[in-house]
C-alpha cells in the first residue's frame, strides 16, 4: 500500500477522549498502578490473604489515580474537571455500570463496594482539597485534610480486609491519619517542589523555618528540630494505631499492619540520615521492605 495512505489514516484518526484507556486486563492495570514490584505497597499487599489481595489492590489503585489527578495537574480547573469525572464513575460503579479498569476491578472483587459509596465520595473530596489550598495555618486546620484522605482510605482498606466488610472498623481512621503524618515527613521535599507544604504554618514559625527554606532545600539546626518534632508526632501516632487494632482483627489486617511497620522503619531511616529529605526521597531497600512487612503482619 502506498506510504501516503498510511499518512492519511494517521492524520484523520480521532484522539482518545479523556479517561479512555485501551482495553486491558483490569487486574494487571490495578497492580501496575497501585503496587509496582519493589514498592512498599507491593509488599504490604502481599501480606493479605490471596482472596483479599485483588480488592485491596483496586482500592490502592484508585487512591493512586486520585493522587495523580491532583498532584500532576497544574490547573485547578482541569483538576476539578477530572475529579468530577471520578465522582460520576464512582456513581456508575454503585449502579453496576463501571467503565474504568479500577472501578471494574472493584465491582468484580469487592463484595460490599456499593455500601462504600459515601466513603469513596469523601475520599475524592479530600483530594479535591489539594486543588483549593497548598498551605495550612495550623494543625487543627490540617486535620480535616488528614481525616478525609488518610482516615477515609485506611477505613476503606480495613473494611475490605475484615472478615465481615459491614463491620465499621472505627480504629482504622487513626491508622490512616498516622500513615499520612509519616508520609508528610518522607515526601516533604517532593511535595514542596510541587507547590504543597503540609507542615502547618504556625509550626514552621515556631521553629523559625520558612517556606523558602524548604523550597530552596536549606538545611539548618532549626530545620532539624522541626523534623524531629514532626517525626516524633508521626511515630507516636503509628505506635498508637498499631496498638488499637483489635485482637480479633489482627490476622485480617495484615496489609495495614505492614504499612504501619514500614512507615515506622522509614522514619527511623530518615532520622539516621539526619532528616535529609529536602533534596532526596529516602527509601528502604526492597529486601528490608519484604522482611519488615512479613514480620509485622505475623506478629501477634
C-alpha atoms as a PDB file:
ATOM      1  CA  UNK A   1       0.000   0.000   0.000  1.00  0.00           C
ATOM      2  CA  UNK A   2       1.430   3.453  -0.805  1.00  0.00           C
ATOM      3  CA  UNK A   3       3.030   5.316   2.062  1.00  0.00           C
ATOM      4  CA  UNK A   4       0.704   8.310   1.522  1.00  0.00           C
ATOM      5  CA  UNK A   5      -2.246   6.126   2.517  1.00  0.00           C
ATOM      6  CA  UNK A   6      -0.668   5.495   5.886  1.00  0.00           C
ATOM      7  CA  UNK A   7      -0.158   9.202   6.350  1.00  0.00           C
ATOM      8  CA  UNK A   8      -3.772   9.938   5.525  1.00  0.00           C
ATOM      9  CA  UNK A   9      -5.091   7.440   8.062  1.00  0.00           C
ATOM     10  CA  UNK A  10      -2.781   8.629  10.833  1.00  0.00           C
ATOM     11  CA  UNK A  11      -3.796  12.219  10.269  1.00  0.00           C
ATOM     12  CA  UNK A  12      -7.524  11.570  10.402  1.00  0.00           C
ATOM     13  CA  UNK A  13      -7.668   9.216  13.415  1.00  0.00           C
ATOM     14  CA  UNK A  14      -9.601  10.961  16.204  1.00  0.00           C
ATOM     15  CA  UNK A  15      -7.778  11.378  19.523  1.00  0.00           C
ATOM     16  CA  UNK A  16      -8.817   9.289  22.506  1.00  0.00           C
ATOM     17  CA  UNK A  17     -11.294  11.163  24.708  1.00  0.00           C
ATOM     18  CA  UNK A  18     -10.291  11.948  28.299  1.00  0.00           C
ATOM     19  CA  UNK A  19     -10.120   8.941  30.653  1.00  0.00           C
ATOM     20  CA  UNK A  20     -10.403   6.497  27.743  1.00  0.00           C
ATOM     21  CA  UNK A  21      -7.990   3.617  28.280  1.00  0.00           C
ATOM     22  CA  UNK A  22      -7.316   0.965  25.630  1.00  0.00           C
ATOM     23  CA  UNK A  23      -8.720  -2.473  26.567  1.00  0.00           C
ATOM     24  CA  UNK A  24      -6.552  -4.010  29.280  1.00  0.00           C
ATOM     25  CA  UNK A  25      -6.778  -6.677  31.940  1.00  0.00           C
ATOM     26  CA  UNK A  26      -8.101  -4.590  34.816  1.00  0.00           C
ATOM     27  CA  UNK A  27      -6.288  -6.653  37.463  1.00  0.00           C
ATOM     28  CA  UNK A  28      -2.968  -6.089  35.689  1.00  0.00           C
ATOM     29  CA  UNK A  29      -3.782  -2.402  35.340  1.00  0.00           C
ATOM     30  CA  UNK A  30      -4.513  -2.057  39.074  1.00  0.00           C
ATOM     31  CA  UNK A  31      -1.346  -3.942  40.011  1.00  0.00           C
ATOM     32  CA  UNK A  32       0.848  -1.708  37.862  1.00  0.00           C
ATOM     33  CA  UNK A  33      -0.898   1.451  39.021  1.00  0.00           C
ATOM     34  CA  UNK A  34      -1.006   0.713  42.738  1.00  0.00           C
ATOM     35  CA  UNK A  35       1.879  -1.559  43.550  1.00  0.00           C
ATOM     36  CA  UNK A  36       4.800  -1.855  41.149  1.00  0.00           C
ATOM     37  CA  UNK A  37       7.272  -4.529  42.209  1.00  0.00           C
ATOM     38  CA  UNK A  38       9.613  -3.342  44.952  1.00  0.00           C
ATOM     39  CA  UNK A  39       7.310  -0.633  46.302  1.00  0.00           C
ATOM     40  CA  UNK A  40       6.154  -0.534  49.917  1.00  0.00           C
ATOM     41  CA  UNK A  41       2.547  -1.007  48.823  1.00  0.00           C
ATOM     42  CA  UNK A  42       3.592  -4.098  46.855  1.00  0.00           C
ATOM     43  CA  UNK A  43       4.997  -5.785  49.942  1.00  0.00           C
ATOM     44  CA  UNK A  44       2.142  -4.643  52.176  1.00  0.00           C
ATOM     45  CA  UNK A  45      -0.458  -6.044  49.775  1.00  0.00           C
ATOM     46  CA  UNK A  46       1.331  -9.367  49.521  1.00  0.00           C
ATOM     47  CA  UNK A  47       0.728  -9.946  53.231  1.00  0.00           C
ATOM     48  CA  UNK A  48      -3.039 -10.060  52.702  1.00  0.00           C
ATOM     49  CA  UNK A  49      -4.789 -13.395  52.074  1.00  0.00           C
ATOM     50  CA  UNK A  50      -4.862 -14.216  48.327  1.00  0.00           C
ATOM     51  CA  UNK A  51      -8.650 -13.864  48.204  1.00  0.00           C
ATOM     52  CA  UNK A  52      -8.452 -10.310  49.583  1.00  0.00           C
ATOM     53  CA  UNK A  53      -5.491  -9.000  47.572  1.00  0.00           C
ATOM     54  CA  UNK A  54      -7.402  -8.098  44.357  1.00  0.00           C
ATOM     55  CA  UNK A  55      -9.942  -5.850  46.100  1.00  0.00           C
ATOM     56  CA  UNK A  56      -7.227  -4.155  48.169  1.00  0.00           C
ATOM     57  CA  UNK A  57      -5.085  -3.649  45.074  1.00  0.00           C
ATOM     58  CA  UNK A  58      -8.033  -1.996  43.343  1.00  0.00           C
ATOM     59  CA  UNK A  59      -8.524   0.371  46.295  1.00  0.00           C
ATOM     60  CA  UNK A  60      -4.846   1.340  46.262  1.00  0.00           C
ATOM     61  CA  UNK A  61      -5.040   1.846  42.502  1.00  0.00           C
ATOM     62  CA  UNK A  62      -7.982   4.200  42.977  1.00  0.00           C
ATOM     63  CA  UNK A  63      -6.005   6.185  45.540  1.00  0.00           C
ATOM     64  CA  UNK A  64      -3.114   6.441  43.111  1.00  0.00           C
ATOM     65  CA  UNK A  65      -5.431   7.659  40.356  1.00  0.00           C
ATOM     66  CA  UNK A  66      -6.730  10.417  42.633  1.00  0.00           C
ATOM     67  CA  UNK A  67      -3.220  11.376  43.765  1.00  0.00           C
ATOM     68  CA  UNK A  68      -2.059  11.714  40.190  1.00  0.00           C
ATOM     69  CA  UNK A  69      -5.131  13.738  39.293  1.00  0.00           C
ATOM     70  CA  UNK A  70      -4.407  16.467  41.823  1.00  0.00           C
ATOM     71  CA  UNK A  71      -0.633  16.353  42.151  1.00  0.00           C
ATOM     72  CA  UNK A  72       0.226  16.192  38.462  1.00  0.00           C
ATOM     73  CA  UNK A  73      -2.307  18.826  37.377  1.00  0.00           C
ATOM     74  CA  UNK A  74      -1.121  22.438  37.409  1.00  0.00           C
ATOM     75  CA  UNK A  75      -4.507  23.951  36.503  1.00  0.00           C
ATOM     76  CA  UNK A  76      -7.062  23.592  39.350  1.00  0.00           C
ATOM     77  CA  UNK A  77      -9.937  23.876  36.871  1.00  0.00           C
ATOM     78  CA  UNK A  78      -8.644  20.855  34.977  1.00  0.00           C
ATOM     79  CA  UNK A  79      -8.144  19.020  38.254  1.00  0.00           C
ATOM     80  CA  UNK A  80     -11.712  19.695  39.370  1.00  0.00           C
ATOM     81  CA  UNK A  81     -12.997  18.507  35.992  1.00  0.00           C
ATOM     82  CA  UNK A  82     -11.101  15.242  36.375  1.00  0.00           C
ATOM     83  CA  UNK A  83     -12.339  14.736  39.932  1.00  0.00           C
ATOM     84  CA  UNK A  84     -15.894  15.408  38.741  1.00  0.00           C
ATOM     85  CA  UNK A  85     -15.365  12.593  36.245  1.00  0.00           C
ATOM     86  CA  UNK A  86     -14.326  10.299  39.097  1.00  0.00           C
ATOM     87  CA  UNK A  87     -17.458  11.246  41.025  1.00  0.00           C
ATOM     88  CA  UNK A  88     -19.541  10.200  38.004  1.00  0.00           C
ATOM     89  CA  UNK A  89     -17.558   6.998  37.561  1.00  0.00           C
ATOM     90  CA  UNK A  90     -17.976   6.029  41.216  1.00  0.00           C
ATOM     91  CA  UNK A  91     -21.713   6.682  40.897  1.00  0.00           C
ATOM     92  CA  UNK A  92     -21.706   4.382  37.871  1.00  0.00           C
ATOM     93  CA  UNK A  93     -19.869   1.792  39.952  1.00  0.00           C
ATOM     94  CA  UNK A  94     -22.582   1.969  42.604  1.00  0.00           C
ATOM     95  CA  UNK A  95     -25.152   1.402  39.852  1.00  0.00           C
ATOM     96  CA  UNK A  96     -23.270  -1.598  38.470  1.00  0.00           C
ATOM     97  CA  UNK A  97     -22.006   0.140  35.327  1.00  0.00           C
ATOM     98  CA  UNK A  98     -18.279   0.872  35.793  1.00  0.00           C
ATOM     99  CA  UNK A  99     -16.168   1.773  32.760  1.00  0.00           C
ATOM    100  CA  UNK A 100     -12.652   2.314  34.148  1.00  0.00           C
ATOM    101  CA  UNK A 101     -10.274  -0.604  34.858  1.00  0.00           C
ATOM    102  CA  UNK A 102     -10.084   0.355  38.553  1.00  0.00           C
ATOM    103  CA  UNK A 103     -13.832   0.525  39.061  1.00  0.00           C
ATOM    104  CA  UNK A 104     -14.302  -2.678  37.051  1.00  0.00           C
ATOM    105  CA  UNK A 105     -11.872  -4.394  39.425  1.00  0.00           C
ATOM    106  CA  UNK A 106     -13.727  -3.034  42.440  1.00  0.00           C
ATOM    107  CA  UNK A 107     -17.037  -4.239  41.005  1.00  0.00           C
ATOM    108  CA  UNK A 108     -15.659  -7.731  40.494  1.00  0.00           C
ATOM    109  CA  UNK A 109     -13.639  -8.207  43.678  1.00  0.00           C
ATOM    110  CA  UNK A 110     -15.241  -6.057  46.382  1.00  0.00           C
ATOM    111  CA  UNK A 111     -18.483  -7.654  47.605  1.00  0.00           C
ATOM    112  CA  UNK A 112     -19.566  -4.585  49.581  1.00  0.00           C
ATOM    113  CA  UNK A 113     -18.415  -1.801  47.276  1.00  0.00           C
ATOM    114  CA  UNK A 114     -21.938  -0.397  46.862  1.00  0.00           C
ATOM    115  CA  UNK A 115     -22.051   0.254  50.611  1.00  0.00           C
ATOM    116  CA  UNK A 116     -18.846   2.311  50.347  1.00  0.00           C
ATOM    117  CA  UNK A 117     -20.283   4.973  48.032  1.00  0.00           C
ATOM    118  CA  UNK A 118     -20.260   7.721  50.660  1.00  0.00           C
ATOM    119  CA  UNK A 119     -16.725   6.882  51.803  1.00  0.00           C
ATOM    120  CA  UNK A 120     -15.482   6.932  48.212  1.00  0.00           C
ATOM    121  CA  UNK A 121     -17.144  10.312  47.678  1.00  0.00           C
ATOM    122  CA  UNK A 122     -15.447  11.616  50.828  1.00  0.00           C
ATOM    123  CA  UNK A 123     -12.076  10.376  49.564  1.00  0.00           C
ATOM    124  CA  UNK A 124     -12.447  12.168  46.227  1.00  0.00           C
ATOM    125  CA  UNK A 125     -13.485  15.361  48.009  1.00  0.00           C
ATOM    126  CA  UNK A 126     -10.477  15.042  50.295  1.00  0.00           C
ATOM    127  CA  UNK A 127      -8.117  15.009  47.348  1.00  0.00           C
ATOM    128  CA  UNK A 128     -10.034  17.957  45.971  1.00  0.00           C
ATOM    129  CA  UNK A 129      -8.716  19.982  48.895  1.00  0.00           C
ATOM    130  CA  UNK A 130      -5.279  19.792  47.244  1.00  0.00           C
ATOM    131  CA  UNK A 131      -6.688  21.882  44.411  1.00  0.00           C
ATOM    132  CA  UNK A 132      -8.010  24.525  46.817  1.00  0.00           C
ATOM    133  CA  UNK A 133      -5.091  25.154  49.162  1.00  0.00           C
ATOM    134  CA  UNK A 134      -1.424  24.312  49.387  1.00  0.00           C
ATOM    135  CA  UNK A 135      -0.760  25.559  52.931  1.00  0.00           C
ATOM    136  CA  UNK A 136      -2.450  25.090  56.309  1.00  0.00           C
ATOM    137  CA  UNK A 137      -2.466  27.657  59.087  1.00  0.00           C
ATOM    138  CA  UNK A 138      -2.274  25.210  61.987  1.00  0.00           C
ATOM    139  CA  UNK A 139      -2.552  21.521  62.790  1.00  0.00           C
ATOM    140  CA  UNK A 140      -6.252  21.757  63.591  1.00  0.00           C
ATOM    141  CA  UNK A 141      -6.802  23.130  60.078  1.00  0.00           C
ATOM    142  CA  UNK A 142      -4.709  20.346  58.556  1.00  0.00           C
ATOM    143  CA  UNK A 143      -6.614  17.657  60.453  1.00  0.00           C
ATOM    144  CA  UNK A 144      -9.623  17.904  58.127  1.00  0.00           C
ATOM    145  CA  UNK A 145      -7.460  17.009  55.146  1.00  0.00           C
ATOM    146  CA  UNK A 146      -5.742  14.212  57.076  1.00  0.00           C
ATOM    147  CA  UNK A 147      -9.094  12.753  58.121  1.00  0.00           C
ATOM    148  CA  UNK A 148     -10.688  12.909  54.659  1.00  0.00           C
ATOM    149  CA  UNK A 149      -7.703  11.461  52.813  1.00  0.00           C
ATOM    150  CA  UNK A 150      -5.752   9.310  55.262  1.00  0.00           C
ATOM    151  CA  UNK A 151      -8.537   8.329  57.645  1.00  0.00           C
ATOM    152  CA  UNK A 152     -11.085   7.581  54.944  1.00  0.00           C
ATOM    153  CA  UNK A 153      -8.724   5.487  52.846  1.00  0.00           C
ATOM    154  CA  UNK A 154      -7.460   3.360  55.738  1.00  0.00           C
ATOM    155  CA  UNK A 155     -11.055   2.759  56.810  1.00  0.00           C
ATOM    156  CA  UNK A 156     -11.875   1.535  53.296  1.00  0.00           C
ATOM    157  CA  UNK A 157      -8.886  -0.818  53.419  1.00  0.00           C
ATOM    158  CA  UNK A 158      -9.761  -2.081  56.906  1.00  0.00           C
ATOM    159  CA  UNK A 159     -13.358  -2.873  55.983  1.00  0.00           C
ATOM    160  CA  UNK A 160     -12.262  -4.569  52.756  1.00  0.00           C
ATOM    161  CA  UNK A 161      -9.820  -6.686  54.781  1.00  0.00           C
ATOM    162  CA  UNK A 162     -12.251  -7.619  57.550  1.00  0.00           C
ATOM    163  CA  UNK A 163     -13.966 -10.964  57.843  1.00  0.00           C
ATOM    164  CA  UNK A 164     -17.232  -9.026  57.782  1.00  0.00           C
ATOM    165  CA  UNK A 165     -16.972  -5.972  55.472  1.00  0.00           C
ATOM    166  CA  UNK A 166     -20.021  -4.472  57.180  1.00  0.00           C
ATOM    167  CA  UNK A 167     -18.084  -4.019  60.433  1.00  0.00           C
ATOM    168  CA  UNK A 168     -17.208  -0.307  60.727  1.00  0.00           C
ATOM    169  CA  UNK A 169     -13.596  -0.784  61.975  1.00  0.00           C
ATOM    170  CA  UNK A 170     -13.545   2.557  63.885  1.00  0.00           C
ATOM    171  CA  UNK A 171      -9.873   2.179  64.837  1.00  0.00           C
ATOM    172  CA  UNK A 172      -8.755   2.385  61.199  1.00  0.00           C
ATOM    173  CA  UNK A 173      -9.185   6.135  60.756  1.00  0.00           C
ATOM    174  CA  UNK A 174      -6.403   6.779  63.263  1.00  0.00           C
ATOM    175  CA  UNK A 175      -4.161   4.342  61.385  1.00  0.00           C
ATOM    176  CA  UNK A 176      -4.730   6.293  58.180  1.00  0.00           C
ATOM    177  CA  UNK A 177      -4.007   9.595  59.892  1.00  0.00           C
ATOM    178  CA  UNK A 178      -0.760   8.184  61.304  1.00  0.00           C
ATOM    179  CA  UNK A 179       0.350   6.879  57.915  1.00  0.00           C
ATOM    180  CA  UNK A 180      -0.301  10.255  56.311  1.00  0.00           C
ATOM    181  CA  UNK A 181       1.688  12.072  59.013  1.00  0.00           C
ATOM    182  CA  UNK A 182       4.629   9.773  58.266  1.00  0.00           C
ATOM    183  CA  UNK A 183       4.198  10.394  54.540  1.00  0.00           C
ATOM    184  CA  UNK A 184       4.385  14.158  55.108  1.00  0.00           C
ATOM    185  CA  UNK A 185       7.883  13.685  56.551  1.00  0.00           C
ATOM    186  CA  UNK A 186       9.118  11.388  53.801  1.00  0.00           C
ATOM    187  CA  UNK A 187       7.677  13.447  50.946  1.00  0.00           C
ATOM    188  CA  UNK A 188       8.431  16.906  52.353  1.00  0.00           C
ATOM    189  CA  UNK A 189      10.909  17.900  49.658  1.00  0.00           C
ATOM    190  CA  UNK A 190       8.920  16.404  46.791  1.00  0.00           C
ATOM    191  CA  UNK A 191       5.665  17.973  47.984  1.00  0.00           C
ATOM    192  CA  UNK A 192       7.336  21.365  48.321  1.00  0.00           C
ATOM    193  CA  UNK A 193       8.646  21.144  44.762  1.00  0.00           C
ATOM    194  CA  UNK A 194       5.062  20.526  43.641  1.00  0.00           C
ATOM    195  CA  UNK A 195       3.890  23.633  45.484  1.00  0.00           C
ATOM    196  CA  UNK A 196       2.387  21.931  48.553  1.00  0.00           C
ATOM    197  CA  UNK A 197       3.604  22.158  52.133  1.00  0.00           C
ATOM    198  CA  UNK A 198       1.706  20.014  54.613  1.00  0.00           C
ATOM    199  CA  UNK A 199       3.591  21.247  57.666  1.00  0.00           C
ATOM    200  CA  UNK A 200       1.367  23.870  59.360  1.00  0.00           C
ATOM    201  CA  UNK A 201       2.443  27.494  59.084  1.00  0.00           C
ATOM    202  CA  UNK A 202       2.399  28.057  62.849  1.00  0.00           C
ATOM    203  CA  UNK A 203       4.741  25.085  63.364  1.00  0.00           C
ATOM    204  CA  UNK A 204       7.174  26.413  60.762  1.00  0.00           C
ATOM    205  CA  UNK A 205       7.120  29.763  62.564  1.00  0.00           C
ATOM    206  CA  UNK A 206       7.629  28.099  65.943  1.00  0.00           C
ATOM    207  CA  UNK A 207      10.880  26.561  64.699  1.00  0.00           C
ATOM    208  CA  UNK A 208      11.891  29.601  62.620  1.00  0.00           C
ATOM    209  CA  UNK A 209      11.776  27.723  59.314  1.00  0.00           C
ATOM    210  CA  UNK A 210      10.305  29.404  56.239  1.00  0.00           C
ATOM    211  CA  UNK A 211       8.620  28.004  53.153  1.00  0.00           C
ATOM    212  CA  UNK A 212      11.537  29.404  51.163  1.00  0.00           C
ATOM    213  CA  UNK A 213      13.909  27.263  53.232  1.00  0.00           C
ATOM    214  CA  UNK A 214      12.001  24.158  52.172  1.00  0.00           C
ATOM    215  CA  UNK A 215      11.722  25.178  48.528  1.00  0.00           C
ATOM    216  CA  UNK A 216      15.429  26.054  48.333  1.00  0.00           C
ATOM    217  CA  UNK A 217      16.490  22.923  50.234  1.00  0.00           C
ATOM    218  CA  UNK A 218      18.164  24.837  53.030  1.00  0.00           C
ATOM    219  CA  UNK A 219      19.108  22.610  55.947  1.00  0.00           C
ATOM    220  CA  UNK A 220      19.781  24.106  59.367  1.00  0.00           C
ATOM    221  CA  UNK A 221      19.652  23.233  63.075  1.00  0.00           C
ATOM    222  CA  UNK A 222      16.178  24.806  63.142  1.00  0.00           C
ATOM    223  CA  UNK A 223      15.038  22.544  60.301  1.00  0.00           C
ATOM    224  CA  UNK A 224      16.398  19.518  62.142  1.00  0.00           C
ATOM    225  CA  UNK A 225      14.429  20.453  65.256  1.00  0.00           C
ATOM    226  CA  UNK A 226      11.280  20.915  63.154  1.00  0.00           C
ATOM    227  CA  UNK A 227      11.698  17.463  61.598  1.00  0.00           C
ATOM    228  CA  UNK A 228      12.440  15.884  64.960  1.00  0.00           C
ATOM    229  CA  UNK A 229       9.072  17.192  66.148  1.00  0.00           C
ATOM    230  CA  UNK A 230       7.229  16.041  63.011  1.00  0.00           C
ATOM    231  CA  UNK A 231       8.855  12.605  63.142  1.00  0.00           C
ATOM    232  CA  UNK A 232       8.101  12.132  66.839  1.00  0.00           C
ATOM    233  CA  UNK A 233       4.446  13.032  66.303  1.00  0.00           C
ATOM    234  CA  UNK A 234       4.120  10.636  63.381  1.00  0.00           C
ATOM    235  CA  UNK A 235       5.913   7.833  65.223  1.00  0.00           C
ATOM    236  CA  UNK A 236       3.722   8.245  68.284  1.00  0.00           C
ATOM    237  CA  UNK A 237       0.623   8.096  66.089  1.00  0.00           C
ATOM    238  CA  UNK A 238       1.874   4.924  64.364  1.00  0.00           C
ATOM    239  CA  UNK A 239       2.529   3.176  67.680  1.00  0.00           C
ATOM    240  CA  UNK A 240      -0.932   4.091  68.940  1.00  0.00           C
ATOM    241  CA  UNK A 241      -2.543   2.957  65.673  1.00  0.00           C
ATOM    242  CA  UNK A 242      -0.875  -0.458  65.798  1.00  0.00           C
ATOM    243  CA  UNK A 243      -1.895  -0.935  69.427  1.00  0.00           C
ATOM    244  CA  UNK A 244      -5.507  -0.009  68.655  1.00  0.00           C
ATOM    245  CA  UNK A 245      -6.086  -2.849  66.162  1.00  0.00           C
ATOM    246  CA  UNK A 246      -8.418  -5.312  67.942  1.00  0.00           C
ATOM    247  CA  UNK A 247      -7.031  -8.788  68.604  1.00  0.00           C
ATOM    248  CA  UNK A 248      -9.886 -10.268  66.596  1.00  0.00           C
ATOM    249  CA  UNK A 249      -8.819  -8.268  63.517  1.00  0.00           C
ATOM    250  CA  UNK A 250      -5.042  -8.513  63.672  1.00  0.00           C
ATOM    251  CA  UNK A 251      -4.829 -11.501  61.349  1.00  0.00           C
ATOM    252  CA  UNK A 252      -7.186  -9.933  58.798  1.00  0.00           C
ATOM    253  CA  UNK A 253      -5.476  -6.523  58.830  1.00  0.00           C
ATOM    254  CA  UNK A 254      -2.067  -7.652  57.661  1.00  0.00           C
ATOM    255  CA  UNK A 255      -1.786  -5.036  54.926  1.00  0.00           C
ATOM    256  CA  UNK A 256      -2.370  -2.064  57.230  1.00  0.00           C
ATOM    257  CA  UNK A 257      -0.131  -3.587  59.891  1.00  0.00           C
ATOM    258  CA  UNK A 258       2.642  -3.987  57.319  1.00  0.00           C
ATOM    259  CA  UNK A 259       2.152  -0.386  56.189  1.00  0.00           C
ATOM    260  CA  UNK A 260       2.420   0.869  59.761  1.00  0.00           C
ATOM    261  CA  UNK A 261       5.641  -1.069  60.328  1.00  0.00           C
ATOM    262  CA  UNK A 262       7.135   0.095  57.025  1.00  0.00           C
ATOM    263  CA  UNK A 263       6.286   3.726  57.800  1.00  0.00           C
ATOM    264  CA  UNK A 264       7.859   3.469  61.265  1.00  0.00           C
ATOM    265  CA  UNK A 265      11.028   1.892  59.872  1.00  0.00           C
ATOM    266  CA  UNK A 266      11.263   4.577  57.223  1.00  0.00           C
ATOM    267  CA  UNK A 267      11.027   7.281  59.887  1.00  0.00           C
ATOM    268  CA  UNK A 268      13.914   5.577  61.687  1.00  0.00           C
ATOM    269  CA  UNK A 269      15.914   5.613  58.444  1.00  0.00           C
ATOM    270  CA  UNK A 270      15.154   9.299  57.865  1.00  0.00           C
ATOM    271  CA  UNK A 271      16.255  10.049  61.400  1.00  0.00           C
ATOM    272  CA  UNK A 272      19.529   8.139  60.941  1.00  0.00           C
ATOM    273  CA  UNK A 273      20.156  10.061  57.717  1.00  0.00           C
ATOM    274  CA  UNK A 274      19.852  13.389  59.525  1.00  0.00           C
ATOM    275  CA  UNK A 275      16.452  14.335  58.063  1.00  0.00           C
ATOM    276  CA  UNK A 276      17.937  14.963  54.621  1.00  0.00           C
ATOM    277  CA  UNK A 277      14.550  14.845  52.893  1.00  0.00           C
ATOM    278  CA  UNK A 278      14.544  18.140  51.005  1.00  0.00           C
ATOM    279  CA  UNK A 279      16.797  17.090  48.132  1.00  0.00           C
ATOM    280  CA  UNK A 280      16.085  13.368  48.003  1.00  0.00           C
ATOM    281  CA  UNK A 281      13.447  10.748  48.707  1.00  0.00           C
ATOM    282  CA  UNK A 282      14.798   8.366  51.331  1.00  0.00           C
ATOM    283  CA  UNK A 283      13.530   4.809  50.924  1.00  0.00           C
ATOM    284  CA  UNK A 284      14.079   1.333  52.314  1.00  0.00           C
ATOM    285  CA  UNK A 285      15.632  -1.368  50.149  1.00  0.00           C
ATOM    286  CA  UNK A 286      13.242  -3.979  48.713  1.00  0.00           C
ATOM    287  CA  UNK A 287      14.688  -6.781  50.841  1.00  0.00           C
ATOM    288  CA  UNK A 288      14.171  -4.729  54.010  1.00  0.00           C
ATOM    289  CA  UNK A 289      10.628  -3.910  52.962  1.00  0.00           C
ATOM    290  CA  UNK A 290       9.901  -7.599  52.446  1.00  0.00           C
ATOM    291  CA  UNK A 291      11.296  -8.581  55.840  1.00  0.00           C
ATOM    292  CA  UNK A 292       9.621  -5.733  57.755  1.00  0.00           C
ATOM    293  CA  UNK A 293       6.231  -6.324  56.122  1.00  0.00           C
ATOM    294  CA  UNK A 294       6.351 -10.105  56.616  1.00  0.00           C
ATOM    295  CA  UNK A 295       7.452  -9.879  60.241  1.00  0.00           C
ATOM    296  CA  UNK A 296       4.980  -7.155  61.202  1.00  0.00           C
ATOM    297  CA  UNK A 297       1.990  -8.811  59.595  1.00  0.00           C
ATOM    298  CA  UNK A 298       2.586 -12.025  61.521  1.00  0.00           C
ATOM    299  CA  UNK A 299       3.311 -10.537  64.909  1.00  0.00           C
ATOM    300  CA  UNK A 300       0.587 -11.364  67.419  1.00  0.00           C
END
